[in-house]
Amino acid sequence: MPKMKSSRTLAKRIKVTGSGKIKRHHAYMGHFAPNKTRKQKHHLRKAALVSKADMKKISQMIDFNNK
């Protein structure tokens, strides 16, 4: 049976931390930035961790060997 391929699009958008958690970027920063408040843009700049509910689904889509 062939090896499973990881989702390359997802692998380029996330990083795995040393403890095994998955870091992601916030949405809503692609365009329409002038309509957002300075505080909102400041908070959306920071990376976030993937929720526990989505961890299983996302970890199946990526290969943890290629961090």
C-alpha atoms as a PDB file:
ATOM      1  CA  MET A   1       0.000   0.000   0.000  1.00  0.00           C
ATOM      2  CA  PRO A   2       1.394   3.471  -0.842  1.00  0.00           C
ATOM      3  CA  LYS A   3       2.251   5.994   1.819  1.00  0.00           C
ATOM      4  CA  MET A   4      -0.328   8.555   2.817  1.00  0.00           C
ATOM      5  CA  LYS A   5       0.415  12.039   1.513  1.00  0.00           C
ATOM      6  CA  SER A   6       0.148  14.996   3.828  1.00  0.00           C
ATOM      7  CA  SER A   7      -1.878  18.016   2.778  1.00  0.00           C
ATOM      8  CA  ARG A   8       0.896  20.284   1.507  1.00  0.00           C
ATOM      9  CA  THR A   9      -1.311  23.377   1.485  1.00  0.00           C
ATOM     10  CA  LEU A  10      -2.066  22.912   5.174  1.00  0.00           C
ATOM     11  CA  ALA A  11       1.526  22.023   6.052  1.00  0.00           C
ATOM     12  CA  LYS A  12       2.696  25.365   4.653  1.00  0.00           C
ATOM     13  CA  ARG A  13       0.180  27.298   6.766  1.00  0.00           C
ATOM     14  CA  ILE A  14       0.870  25.788  10.197  1.00  0.00           C
ATOM     15  CA  LYS A  15       3.813  25.035  12.455  1.00  0.00           C
ATOM     16  CA  VAL A  16       4.148  22.369  15.144  1.00  0.00           C
ATOM     17  CA  THR A  17       5.532  23.545  18.480  1.00  0.00           C
ATOM     18  CA  GLY A  18       8.045  21.607  20.539  1.00  0.00           C
ATOM     19  CA  SER A  19       5.314  20.301  22.823  1.00  0.00           C
ATOM     20  CA  GLY A  20       3.271  19.060  19.855  1.00  0.00           C
ATOM     21  CA  LYS A  21       0.680  21.818  19.680  1.00  0.00           C
ATOM     22  CA  ILE A  22      -0.203  23.325  16.310  1.00  0.00           C
ATOM     23  CA  LYS A  23       0.181  27.061  15.647  1.00  0.00           C
ATOM     24  CA  ARG A  24      -1.939  28.815  13.046  1.00  0.00           C
ATOM     25  CA  HIS A  25      -2.596  32.320  11.794  1.00  0.00           C
ATOM     26  CA  HIS A  26      -5.805  34.257  12.330  1.00  0.00           C
ATOM     27  CA  ALA A  27      -8.271  34.848   9.542  1.00  0.00           C
ATOM     28  CA  TYR A  28      -9.709  38.236   8.467  1.00  0.00           C
ATOM     29  CA  MET A  29      -6.368  39.883   7.723  1.00  0.00           C
ATOM     30  CA  GLY A  30      -6.302  39.387   3.962  1.00  0.00           C
ATOM     31  CA  HIS A  31      -7.969  42.638   2.960  1.00  0.00           C
ATOM     32  CA  PHE A  32     -10.330  45.373   4.204  1.00  0.00           C
ATOM     33  CA  ALA A  33      -7.723  46.313   6.799  1.00  0.00           C
ATOM     34  CA  PRO A  34      -8.695  50.021   6.974  1.00  0.00           C
ATOM     35  CA  ASN A  35     -12.172  49.047   8.169  1.00  0.00           C
ATOM     36  CA  LYS A  36     -10.777  47.216  11.194  1.00  0.00           C
ATOM     37  CA  THR A  37      -9.756  48.931  14.406  1.00  0.00           C
ATOM     38  CA  ARG A  38      -6.112  49.146  15.422  1.00  0.00           C
ATOM     39  CA  LYS A  39      -6.809  46.851  18.371  1.00  0.00           C
ATOM     40  CA  GLN A  40      -8.447  44.238  16.153  1.00  0.00           C
ATOM     41  CA  LYS A  41      -5.529  44.232  13.697  1.00  0.00           C
ATOM     42  CA  HIS A  42      -3.049  44.041  16.574  1.00  0.00           C
ATOM     43  CA  HIS A  43      -4.721  40.928  17.991  1.00  0.00           C
ATOM     44  CA  LEU A  44      -5.131  39.257  14.598  1.00  0.00           C
ATOM     45  CA  ARG A  45      -1.394  39.614  13.889  1.00  0.00           C
ATOM     46  CA  LYS A  46      -0.452  37.174  16.626  1.00  0.00           C
ATOM     47  CA  ALA A  47      -0.459  33.436  15.981  1.00  0.00           C
ATOM     48  CA  ALA A  48      -3.002  31.211  17.709  1.00  0.00           C
ATOM     49  CA  LEU A  49      -3.123  27.563  18.691  1.00  0.00           C
ATOM     50  CA  VAL A  50      -5.474  25.097  17.039  1.00  0.00           C
ATOM     51  CA  SER A  51      -8.365  24.112  19.296  1.00  0.00           C
ATOM     52  CA  LYS A  52      -8.564  20.648  20.842  1.00  0.00           C
ATOM     53  CA  ALA A  53     -11.662  19.885  18.780  1.00  0.00           C
ATOM     54  CA  ASP A  54      -9.716  20.321  15.518  1.00  0.00           C
ATOM     55  CA  MET A  55      -6.417  18.754  16.599  1.00  0.00           C
ATOM     56  CA  LYS A  56      -7.282  15.200  15.520  1.00  0.00           C
ATOM     57  CA  LYS A  57      -8.537  16.268  12.092  1.00  0.00           C
ATOM     58  CA  ILE A  58      -5.569  18.510  11.369  1.00  0.00           C
ATOM     59  CA  SER A  59      -2.939  16.115  12.681  1.00  0.00           C
ATOM     60  CA  GLN A  60      -4.263  13.461  10.290  1.00  0.00           C
ATOM     61  CA  MET A  61      -3.819  15.893   7.398  1.00  0.00           C
ATOM     62  CA  ILE A  62      -0.169  16.650   8.143  1.00  0.00           C
ATOM     63  CA  ASP A  63       2.939  14.594   8.696  1.00  0.00           C
ATOM     64  CA  PHE A  64       4.558  15.333  12.064  1.00  0.00           C
ATOM     65  CA  ASN A  65       7.946  14.075  10.849  1.00  0.00           C
ATOM     66  CA  ASN A  66       8.353  17.166   8.645  1.00  0.00           C
ATOM     67  CA  LYS A  67       8.210  20.039  11.139  1.00  0.00           C
END
